[in-house]
Amino acid sequence: MGKLQHFEITFNDNKIVYSPGESVSGAVKIVLGQALQCKGIRVSCLGTCGVSSRVNDASWDLQEQYFSNTLSVADKGTLKKGEHTLPFRFIIPDSVPTSYEGPFGKIAYKLKAIIDTPRFSKDYQTEKAFFLLRRLDLNQVADIEQPSTGQVTKKFTYLLVKTGTVVVKAKSDLRGYTPGQVIKLTVHVHNQSGKDTGCMLASLIQKVTYKTKRPTCDVRMITEAEGAGVKAGGNAEWKEQVIVPPLPQTGIAGCNLITVDYFIQVSLKSPEVSLQLPIYIGNIPVNSHPRTPDQPVPPTPAPRMTPAPVPLPRTRSCGVAPSAPPPEEQAPLAAAGVTRDEVDTKSHSQRNPSGRQPVMSPSAFTHTPSQTRAQVQLHRGTSDTSGPLFCVSTGATVPFFSEGNHTPVPTVSSLILPPEYSTAGYPQEPPPTYEESCNSNSGPSIRAGGRPAGQLRERSRR
């Protein structure tokens, strides 16, 4: 096996998810089959960001470095045969951004160890990545408890001579959410025309801007719900709920090359009407402040607004992201005595094939100081404990933790991520509804006797 039999970087307590201001500590483990001469052994801690105008291109157009520290853990000499453990410790700056990976750039952190051998000898090196989670406190965002609202009026012409007007109003219950929380969306449509509208769409959109010489924008739909249309002269209301999947925080504070924005897009297919509701994605939910163990428990103040309901955990085996069911409420009456109909949801990209709405525990997405020593799970289709749960398509790095006060372990609640855009064409089309499947003419028609029509025609020629 040669002189060097084992060369690895390990972290104390197998911890690989850190916060700004913490220390990264561990050891370099070396196993030698025979003595090895070296000029020194160095460990470097690196944090960088790179962006490119080409997809999945590692030759970055622009880069920025957050820190680069090097520590000498062994001087010039001879390493004896056997096992050697060389400890190290680095302090992470307070201003570094959270880890991120996307198709046009990434924010990455790693440790690199090098055994510098004498001249004409081979140098040995090894690397190991770790992840930074910089929490965004939504309570520090102005007016975060207020709803995000929007309204648009569309005048259109139909049947060549007739005209009509459609008024669309949309509102979310808050302006900021954390992964696992529920977005409550209410849409009002007043169809002041003699023509039925097309179906309604509500989409959670992620917009990532990579600040290259010519800025590159990556806009993609994360989840989408479809509601029925509104009849001519109708006044309808549509209520929908969406669980926020694991997503990187809005803005990515501390990074000058990558920015992330989110909004809810509400639109009609016919006539073409669209409006956007800007929202924030963070790590600390509204009206929820972390408390250190030394602080006494403060009295519970009267809440100014009821936070989004917390869904209960439940094991799932389906391969589709989760969603919350619409609330079963009676539609209120509109002003002037006009009845407001309630619109049903036709399809939802977060529903599973059985039609049921699975739920998950938002605590599975929460990274708190008491859980920093947890072993996390890297999701690539198989179980792996070498890193946190990661989704390349959205750039999200989310560690999974179990509930309760016991020692954290990977949670049993499985998470189904959004579609993997790195291996699929864009846009990602939603699956067809039941009605669309029944009306599809793509398959062969079946006639008497259960035979395809083509076989009957061949027999008739004979």
Protein backbone atom coordinates (compact mmCIF):
# COMPACT_ATOMS: atom_id res chain seq x y z
CA MET A 1 0.00 0.00 0.00
CA GLY A 2 3.06 2.31 0.13
CA LYS A 3 4.22 4.64 2.83
CA LEU A 4 0.94 6.57 3.23
CA GLN A 5 -1.89 4.20 4.08
CA HIS A 6 -4.47 6.69 5.42
CA PHE A 7 -4.75 10.49 5.17
CA GLU A 8 -8.00 12.12 6.32
CA ILE A 9 -9.46 15.28 7.89
CA THR A 10 -11.96 14.70 10.69
CA PHE A 11 -14.17 17.12 12.62
CA ASN A 12 -14.73 17.00 16.37
CA ASP A 13 -18.01 15.23 17.18
CA ASN A 14 -18.55 14.70 13.41
CA LYS A 15 -19.89 18.23 13.21
CA ILE A 16 -19.86 19.72 9.70
CA VAL A 17 -22.52 22.46 9.93
CA TYR A 18 -21.30 25.67 11.58
CA SER A 19 -22.47 29.22 12.17
CA PRO A 20 -20.46 32.43 11.64
CA GLY A 21 -18.28 33.19 14.66
CA GLU A 22 -17.90 29.54 15.67
CA SER A 23 -14.65 27.60 15.65
CA VAL A 24 -13.96 24.72 13.27
CA SER A 25 -11.91 22.13 15.11
CA GLY A 26 -10.76 18.62 14.32
CA ALA A 27 -7.67 16.65 13.47
CA VAL A 28 -5.62 15.36 10.56
CA LYS A 29 -5.25 11.58 10.83
CA ILE A 30 -2.26 9.93 9.12
CA VAL A 31 -1.41 6.22 9.03
CA LEU A 32 2.05 5.28 7.65
CA GLY A 33 3.27 1.88 6.59
CA GLN A 34 6.86 3.09 6.97
CA ALA A 35 8.68 6.25 8.02
CA LEU A 36 8.09 9.33 5.86
CA GLN A 37 10.28 12.41 5.60
CA CYS A 38 8.40 15.72 5.29
CA LYS A 39 9.19 19.41 5.16
CA GLY A 40 6.01 20.19 7.09
CA ILE A 41 2.27 19.55 7.30
CA ARG A 42 -0.19 22.42 6.75
CA VAL A 43 -3.96 22.75 7.15
CA SER A 44 -5.83 25.56 5.37
CA CYS A 45 -9.39 26.79 5.96
CA LEU A 46 -10.93 28.43 2.88
CA GLY A 47 -14.18 30.23 2.11
CA THR A 48 -14.90 31.44 -1.42
CA CYS A 49 -17.68 32.33 -3.86
CA GLY A 50 -17.53 31.97 -7.63
CA VAL A 51 -20.01 32.82 -10.39
CA SER A 52 -20.08 32.11 -14.11
CA SER A 53 -22.32 32.93 -17.06
CA ARG A 54 -22.19 29.26 -18.16
CA VAL A 55 -24.06 26.41 -16.53
CA ASN A 56 -22.03 24.12 -14.24
CA ASP A 57 -18.76 25.78 -15.21
CA ALA A 58 -16.04 25.65 -12.54
CA SER A 59 -13.87 28.25 -14.31
CA TRP A 60 -15.49 31.23 -12.61
CA ASP A 61 -15.86 34.61 -14.32
CA LEU A 62 -15.74 36.41 -10.95
CA GLN A 63 -14.69 35.28 -7.48
CA GLU A 64 -14.59 36.67 -3.97
CA GLN A 65 -12.80 35.26 -0.94
CA TYR A 66 -14.15 35.43 2.59
CA PHE A 67 -11.18 34.00 4.45
CA SER A 68 -8.05 31.93 3.87
CA ASN A 69 -6.16 30.82 6.96
CA THR A 70 -3.27 28.35 7.11
CA LEU A 71 -1.99 26.51 10.19
CA SER A 72 1.23 24.48 10.44
CA VAL A 73 0.51 21.32 12.43
CA ALA A 74 3.92 19.62 12.00
CA ASP A 75 7.44 20.90 11.36
CA LYS A 76 10.21 19.49 9.21
CA GLY A 77 11.29 16.01 10.23
CA THR A 78 10.49 12.34 9.91
CA LEU A 79 7.11 10.84 10.67
CA LYS A 80 7.46 7.41 12.23
CA LYS A 81 5.59 4.35 11.12
CA GLY A 82 2.11 4.09 12.63
CA GLU A 83 -0.81 6.41 13.32
CA HIS A 84 -0.53 10.17 13.85
CA THR A 85 -3.25 12.61 14.97
CA LEU A 86 -2.56 16.32 14.44
CA PRO A 87 -5.24 18.68 15.86
CA PHE A 88 -6.28 22.02 14.37
CA ARG A 89 -8.70 24.86 15.14
CA PHE A 90 -9.94 27.83 13.09
CA ILE A 91 -12.27 30.72 13.93
CA ILE A 92 -14.95 31.54 11.33
CA PRO A 93 -15.49 35.28 10.73
CA ASP A 94 -18.86 36.77 11.68
CA SER A 95 -19.56 38.28 8.27
CA VAL A 96 -19.44 35.17 6.05
CA PRO A 97 -22.56 34.18 4.06
CA THR A 98 -24.46 30.92 4.24
CA SER A 99 -23.46 27.98 2.01
CA TYR A 100 -25.08 27.94 -1.40
CA GLU A 101 -24.81 25.99 -4.65
CA GLY A 102 -26.55 26.76 -7.91
CA PRO A 103 -26.08 26.11 -11.65
CA PHE A 104 -24.19 29.39 -12.20
CA GLY A 105 -22.24 29.71 -8.96
CA LYS A 106 -21.71 28.58 -5.39
CA ILE A 107 -20.53 29.62 -1.95
CA ALA A 108 -18.26 26.87 -0.61
CA TYR A 109 -16.17 26.24 2.49
CA LYS A 110 -13.50 23.57 2.88
CA LEU A 111 -10.44 22.39 4.79
CA LYS A 112 -7.31 21.36 2.94
CA ALA A 113 -4.37 19.41 4.40
CA ILE A 114 -0.98 19.06 2.64
CA ILE A 115 2.04 16.91 3.51
CA ASP A 116 5.01 18.77 1.99
CA THR A 117 7.67 16.20 1.12
CA PRO A 118 11.31 16.85 0.11
CA ARG A 119 12.29 17.79 -3.41
CA PHE A 120 11.62 15.24 -6.18
CA SER A 121 9.13 13.49 -3.86
CA LYS A 122 5.39 13.43 -4.16
CA ASP A 123 3.32 15.83 -2.03
CA TYR A 124 0.14 14.45 -0.49
CA GLN A 125 -3.07 16.41 0.00
CA THR A 126 -6.68 15.86 1.03
CA GLU A 127 -9.77 18.07 1.30
CA LYS A 128 -13.04 18.03 3.19
CA ALA A 129 -16.01 20.38 2.85
CA PHE A 130 -18.08 21.86 5.65
CA PHE A 131 -21.17 24.04 5.59
CA LEU A 132 -22.08 27.47 6.97
CA LEU A 133 -25.62 28.34 8.05
CA ARG A 134 -26.06 32.06 8.67
CA ARG A 135 -29.50 32.54 10.12
CA LEU A 136 -31.83 35.30 8.90
CA ASP A 137 -34.13 36.63 11.62
CA LEU A 138 -37.38 37.58 9.93
CA ASN A 139 -38.37 39.70 12.94
CA GLN A 140 -35.72 42.23 11.86
CA VAL A 141 -37.49 42.81 8.53
CA ALA A 142 -39.79 45.86 8.49
CA ASP A 143 -43.53 45.14 8.35
CA ILE A 144 -42.89 41.39 8.19
CA GLU A 145 -46.17 40.65 10.00
CA GLN A 146 -48.21 42.58 7.46
CA PRO A 147 -49.73 40.72 4.50
CA SER A 148 -48.22 40.99 1.05
CA THR A 149 -50.98 42.27 -1.24
CA GLY A 150 -51.43 43.03 -4.90
CA GLN A 151 -54.17 43.98 -7.35
CA VAL A 152 -54.41 44.16 -11.13
CA THR A 153 -57.23 45.08 -13.53
CA LYS A 154 -57.26 43.67 -17.05
CA LYS A 155 -59.40 44.96 -19.89
CA PHE A 156 -59.68 42.61 -22.84
CA THR A 157 -61.61 42.02 -26.04
CA TYR A 158 -63.32 38.74 -26.86
CA LEU A 159 -65.47 37.60 -29.79
CA LEU A 160 -63.77 40.41 -31.76
CA VAL A 161 -66.25 43.10 -30.70
CA LYS A 162 -67.14 42.45 -27.07
CA THR A 163 -65.04 43.83 -24.23
CA GLY A 164 -64.79 42.96 -20.56
CA THR A 165 -62.83 43.57 -17.37
CA VAL A 166 -61.31 41.18 -14.86
CA VAL A 167 -60.10 42.34 -11.43
CA VAL A 168 -57.66 40.07 -9.58
CA LYS A 169 -56.69 40.67 -5.94
CA ALA A 170 -54.25 38.47 -4.00
CA LYS A 171 -53.01 38.46 -0.42
CA SER A 172 -50.70 36.32 1.72
CA ASP A 173 -51.08 36.15 5.50
CA LEU A 174 -47.44 37.26 6.16
CA ARG A 175 -44.44 38.60 4.29
CA GLY A 176 -41.90 36.18 5.69
CA TYR A 177 -41.70 32.41 6.22
CA THR A 178 -39.22 29.71 7.17
CA PRO A 179 -38.91 26.24 5.57
CA GLY A 180 -41.73 24.08 6.88
CA GLN A 181 -44.16 26.94 7.50
CA VAL A 182 -47.43 27.34 5.63
CA ILE A 183 -48.16 30.18 3.21
CA LYS A 184 -51.85 31.11 3.35
CA LEU A 185 -52.88 32.63 0.04
CA THR A 186 -56.23 34.24 -0.74
CA VAL A 187 -57.18 35.26 -4.29
CA HIS A 188 -60.30 37.23 -5.27
CA VAL A 189 -61.38 37.36 -8.91
CA HIS A 190 -64.24 39.56 -10.14
CA ASN A 191 -65.09 38.65 -13.72
CA GLN A 192 -66.97 41.68 -15.09
CA SER A 193 -67.43 40.21 -18.53
CA GLY A 194 -69.61 37.77 -20.45
CA LYS A 195 -66.81 35.22 -20.91
CA ASP A 196 -65.54 32.57 -18.50
CA THR A 197 -61.94 32.98 -17.44
CA GLY A 198 -59.27 30.34 -17.72
CA CYS A 199 -57.96 28.53 -14.67
CA MET A 200 -55.97 30.34 -11.98
CA LEU A 201 -52.33 29.59 -11.11
CA ALA A 202 -50.42 30.34 -7.91
CA SER A 203 -46.66 29.70 -8.05
CA LEU A 204 -43.82 30.10 -5.58
CA ILE A 205 -41.00 31.56 -7.70
CA GLN A 206 -37.30 31.72 -6.88
CA LYS A 207 -35.13 34.30 -8.66
CA VAL A 208 -31.36 33.98 -8.27
CA THR A 209 -29.15 36.72 -9.73
CA TYR A 210 -25.50 35.92 -10.44
CA LYS A 211 -23.62 39.20 -10.76
CA THR A 212 -21.24 38.44 -13.59
CA LYS A 213 -20.15 41.07 -16.13
CA ARG A 214 -23.55 40.55 -17.72
CA PRO A 215 -25.78 39.52 -14.78
CA THR A 216 -27.37 36.10 -15.16
CA CYS A 217 -30.86 35.53 -13.69
CA ASP A 218 -32.09 32.03 -12.91
CA VAL A 219 -35.88 32.11 -12.45
CA ARG A 220 -37.69 28.89 -11.65
CA MET A 221 -40.98 27.67 -10.26
CA ILE A 222 -40.62 25.86 -6.93
CA THR A 223 -44.26 24.84 -6.35
CA GLU A 224 -47.46 25.50 -8.26
CA ALA A 225 -51.20 25.17 -7.58
CA GLU A 226 -54.01 25.40 -10.11
CA GLY A 227 -57.54 26.57 -9.36
CA ALA A 228 -60.69 26.50 -11.44
CA GLY A 229 -61.78 29.41 -13.62
CA VAL A 230 -64.48 31.99 -12.84
CA LYS A 231 -67.74 32.05 -14.72
CA ALA A 232 -68.94 35.06 -16.66
CA GLY A 233 -70.10 37.79 -14.29
CA GLY A 234 -68.86 35.77 -11.32
CA ASN A 235 -67.16 36.92 -8.14
CA ALA A 236 -65.00 34.13 -6.75
CA GLU A 237 -62.54 33.50 -3.94
CA TRP A 238 -59.72 30.94 -3.96
CA LYS A 239 -57.88 29.90 -0.80
CA GLU A 240 -54.71 27.84 -1.06
CA GLN A 241 -51.99 26.75 1.37
CA VAL A 242 -48.42 25.81 0.51
CA ILE A 243 -45.68 24.44 2.76
CA VAL A 244 -42.37 26.17 2.10
CA PRO A 245 -39.73 23.58 1.05
CA PRO A 246 -36.07 23.88 2.10
CA LEU A 247 -34.77 27.00 0.38
CA PRO A 248 -31.81 29.34 0.87
CA GLN A 249 -32.56 32.58 2.67
CA THR A 250 -33.55 35.76 0.87
CA GLY A 251 -30.64 37.94 -0.18
CA ILE A 252 -27.77 35.75 1.16
CA ALA A 253 -26.28 38.44 3.40
CA GLY A 254 -22.51 38.80 3.19
CA CYS A 255 -22.25 37.77 -0.47
CA ASN A 256 -21.74 40.38 -3.20
CA LEU A 257 -22.02 38.05 -6.20
CA ILE A 258 -25.25 36.09 -5.58
CA THR A 259 -28.67 37.39 -4.51
CA VAL A 260 -31.86 35.36 -3.99
CA ASP A 261 -35.42 36.72 -4.15
CA TYR A 262 -38.81 35.06 -3.78
CA PHE A 263 -42.33 36.00 -4.78
CA ILE A 264 -45.72 34.39 -5.22
CA GLN A 265 -47.04 34.79 -8.74
CA VAL A 266 -50.82 34.71 -9.24
CA SER A 267 -52.07 34.57 -12.83
CA LEU A 268 -54.98 33.73 -15.09
CA LYS A 269 -54.50 31.80 -18.30
CA SER A 270 -57.31 33.63 -20.12
CA PRO A 271 -57.25 36.57 -20.21
CA GLU A 272 -53.53 36.82 -19.46
CA VAL A 273 -53.39 38.49 -16.04
CA SER A 274 -50.48 38.26 -13.63
CA LEU A 275 -49.36 39.85 -10.36
CA GLN A 276 -46.53 39.18 -7.91
CA LEU A 277 -46.40 39.18 -4.11
CA PRO A 278 -42.82 39.59 -2.77
CA ILE A 279 -42.02 37.43 0.26
CA TYR A 280 -38.98 36.67 2.44
CA ILE A 281 -37.54 33.26 3.28
CA GLY A 282 -35.54 33.16 6.53
CA ASN A 283 -34.39 30.87 9.34
CA ILE A 284 -36.00 32.40 12.44
CA PRO A 285 -39.80 32.65 12.07
CA VAL A 286 -41.87 35.71 12.89
CA ASN A 287 -42.38 36.25 16.66
CA SER A 288 -39.86 33.51 17.51
CA HIS A 289 -36.59 34.69 19.08
CA PRO A 290 -33.89 32.23 20.20
CA ARG A 291 -33.06 32.23 23.92
CA THR A 292 -29.82 31.15 25.58
CA PRO A 293 -30.02 28.54 28.39
CA ASP A 294 -28.87 31.11 31.00
CA GLN A 295 -31.75 33.47 30.32
CA PRO A 296 -34.94 33.05 32.36
CA VAL A 297 -38.14 32.16 30.57
CA PRO A 298 -39.96 35.46 29.90
CA PRO A 299 -43.73 35.79 30.31
CA THR A 300 -45.65 35.03 27.15
CA PRO A 301 -46.82 38.29 25.56
CA ALA A 302 -50.11 38.68 23.77
CA PRO A 303 -49.46 37.86 20.12
CA ARG A 304 -50.16 40.56 17.59
CA MET A 305 -50.88 38.07 14.88
CA THR A 306 -51.47 34.35 14.92
CA PRO A 307 -48.51 32.60 13.26
CA ALA A 308 -48.95 30.04 10.53
CA PRO A 309 -50.21 26.65 11.80
CA VAL A 310 -47.60 23.99 12.41
CA PRO A 311 -48.29 20.69 10.60
CA LEU A 312 -47.66 17.47 12.52
CA PRO A 313 -44.94 15.05 11.37
CA ARG A 314 -45.91 11.90 9.52
CA THR A 315 -43.79 9.37 7.70
CA ARG A 316 -44.13 9.31 3.96
CA SER A 317 -42.86 7.18 1.13
CA CYS A 318 -44.19 9.14 -1.82
CA GLY A 319 -41.89 11.00 -4.18
CA VAL A 320 -43.59 14.38 -4.30
CA ALA A 321 -43.12 17.44 -2.09
CA PRO A 322 -45.75 18.07 0.62
CA SER A 323 -48.55 20.60 0.85
CA ALA A 324 -51.14 21.65 3.38
CA PRO A 325 -54.86 21.14 2.59
CA PRO A 326 -57.02 24.19 1.97
CA PRO A 327 -59.03 25.27 5.03
CA GLU A 328 -62.63 24.18 5.10
CA GLU A 329 -64.34 27.51 5.52
CA GLN A 330 -67.50 28.98 4.11
CA ALA A 331 -66.92 31.69 1.53
CA PRO A 332 -68.07 35.07 2.85
CA LEU A 333 -70.57 37.18 1.04
CA ALA A 334 -69.25 40.02 -1.05
CA ALA A 335 -70.34 43.60 -0.73
CA ALA A 336 -73.66 44.79 -2.15
CA GLY A 337 -75.20 41.37 -1.63
CA VAL A 338 -73.25 39.67 -4.43
CA THR A 339 -72.47 36.04 -3.70
CA ARG A 340 -68.79 35.14 -3.78
CA ASP A 341 -68.20 31.60 -4.97
CA GLU A 342 -65.38 29.46 -3.60
CA VAL A 343 -62.95 28.13 -6.21
CA ASP A 344 -61.70 24.55 -5.92
CA THR A 345 -58.06 23.55 -6.38
CA LYS A 346 -57.71 21.40 -9.52
CA SER A 347 -54.08 20.35 -9.09
CA HIS A 348 -51.08 21.04 -6.91
CA SER A 349 -47.43 20.23 -7.57
CA GLN A 350 -46.96 19.34 -3.88
CA ARG A 351 -49.66 16.69 -3.77
CA ASN A 352 -48.85 13.00 -3.85
CA PRO A 353 -50.41 10.52 -6.29
CA SER A 354 -52.95 9.34 -3.71
CA GLY A 355 -54.47 12.82 -3.56
CA ARG A 356 -53.78 13.16 0.15
CA GLN A 357 -51.82 16.08 1.56
CA PRO A 358 -48.78 14.83 3.50
CA VAL A 359 -47.30 17.06 6.18
CA MET A 360 -43.92 17.37 7.83
CA SER A 361 -42.42 18.89 10.93
CA PRO A 362 -41.00 22.42 10.53
CA SER A 363 -38.59 21.67 13.38
CA ALA A 364 -36.78 19.38 10.97
CA PHE A 365 -35.55 22.51 9.18
CA THR A 366 -34.58 24.51 12.28
CA HIS A 367 -30.91 24.91 13.10
CA THR A 368 -30.47 26.00 16.73
CA PRO A 369 -27.34 26.25 18.91
CA SER A 370 -28.44 23.24 20.96
CA GLN A 371 -28.46 21.12 17.81
CA THR A 372 -25.10 22.05 16.33
CA ARG A 373 -23.50 18.73 17.23
CA ALA A 374 -26.01 16.66 15.37
CA GLN A 375 -25.07 14.25 12.69
CA VAL A 376 -26.69 15.37 9.47
CA GLN A 377 -27.74 13.63 6.33
CA LEU A 378 -26.75 14.25 2.72
CA HIS A 379 -29.63 13.43 0.41
CA ARG A 380 -28.56 12.16 -2.99
CA GLY A 381 -31.07 9.36 -3.34
CA THR A 382 -29.23 7.22 -0.76
CA SER A 383 -28.43 7.73 2.90
CA ASP A 384 -25.09 9.35 3.64
CA THR A 385 -23.83 10.97 6.81
CA SER A 386 -21.01 12.95 5.19
CA GLY A 387 -22.97 16.18 4.88
CA PRO A 388 -26.28 17.97 5.37
CA LEU A 389 -29.36 17.55 3.27
CA PHE A 390 -28.70 19.41 0.03
CA CYS A 391 -30.71 20.29 -3.05
CA VAL A 392 -28.72 21.51 -6.05
CA SER A 393 -31.81 22.73 -7.92
CA THR A 394 -32.67 25.34 -5.26
CA GLY A 395 -29.29 25.82 -3.61
CA ALA A 396 -30.66 24.87 -0.22
CA THR A 397 -28.47 23.44 2.51
CA VAL A 398 -30.73 22.18 5.29
CA PRO A 399 -29.65 19.93 8.17
CA PHE A 400 -32.16 17.43 9.50
CA PHE A 401 -32.60 17.00 13.26
CA SER A 402 -34.92 14.97 15.42
CA GLU A 403 -37.40 16.47 17.85
CA GLY A 404 -37.22 16.53 21.64
CA ASN A 405 -34.49 17.28 24.16
CA HIS A 406 -32.46 14.11 23.65
CA THR A 407 -29.30 13.91 21.61
CA PRO A 408 -30.14 15.02 18.06
CA VAL A 409 -29.93 12.41 15.30
CA PRO A 410 -31.09 12.48 11.67
CA THR A 411 -34.85 12.90 11.75
CA VAL A 412 -37.13 10.07 10.66
CA SER A 413 -39.28 12.53 8.74
CA SER A 414 -38.26 12.20 5.11
CA LEU A 415 -38.15 15.29 2.95
CA ILE A 416 -39.11 15.28 -0.69
CA LEU A 417 -37.29 18.02 -2.58
CA PRO A 418 -38.48 20.07 -5.57
CA PRO A 419 -37.68 18.75 -9.07
CA GLU A 420 -33.97 18.40 -9.80
CA TYR A 421 -33.48 21.00 -12.53
CA SER A 422 -29.85 20.08 -13.11
CA THR A 423 -30.92 16.84 -14.80
CA ALA A 424 -34.20 17.94 -16.40
CA GLY A 425 -35.25 20.46 -19.00
CA TYR A 426 -36.72 23.80 -17.97
CA PRO A 427 -39.48 24.64 -17.48
CA GLN A 428 -40.55 21.64 -15.44
CA GLU A 429 -44.06 20.78 -16.59
CA PRO A 430 -46.54 19.69 -13.89
CA PRO A 431 -48.13 16.26 -14.27
CA PRO A 432 -51.44 16.17 -16.17
CA THR A 433 -54.69 16.24 -14.23
CA TYR A 434 -57.19 13.39 -14.30
CA GLU A 435 -59.41 15.27 -16.76
CA GLU A 436 -56.45 15.98 -19.08
CA SER A 437 -55.44 12.33 -19.01
CA CYS A 438 -58.97 11.22 -19.95
CA ASN A 439 -59.19 13.74 -22.81
CA SER A 440 -55.72 12.94 -24.20
CA ASN A 441 -55.62 11.51 -27.75
CA SER A 442 -51.96 10.50 -27.64
CA GLY A 443 -52.64 6.80 -27.08
CA PRO A 444 -54.21 4.35 -29.58
CA SER A 445 -57.99 4.31 -29.67
CA ILE A 446 -59.68 1.10 -28.55
CA ARG A 447 -62.63 -0.31 -30.45
CA ALA A 448 -64.81 -3.42 -30.28
CA GLY A 449 -63.05 -6.50 -29.02
CA GLY A 450 -60.46 -4.44 -27.11
CA ARG A 451 -58.06 -4.24 -30.13
CA PRO A 452 -56.35 -1.03 -31.23
CA ALA A 453 -57.92 0.64 -34.25
CA GLY A 454 -54.78 0.07 -36.35
CA GLN A 455 -55.08 -3.71 -36.02
CA LEU A 456 -58.72 -3.64 -37.17
CA ARG A 457 -57.77 -1.67 -40.27
CA GLU A 458 -55.01 -4.15 -41.19
CA ARG A 459 -57.43 -7.08 -40.91
CA SER A 460 -59.98 -5.35 -43.12
CA ARG A 461 -57.37 -4.97 -45.92
CA ARG A 462 -56.76 -8.71 -45.86
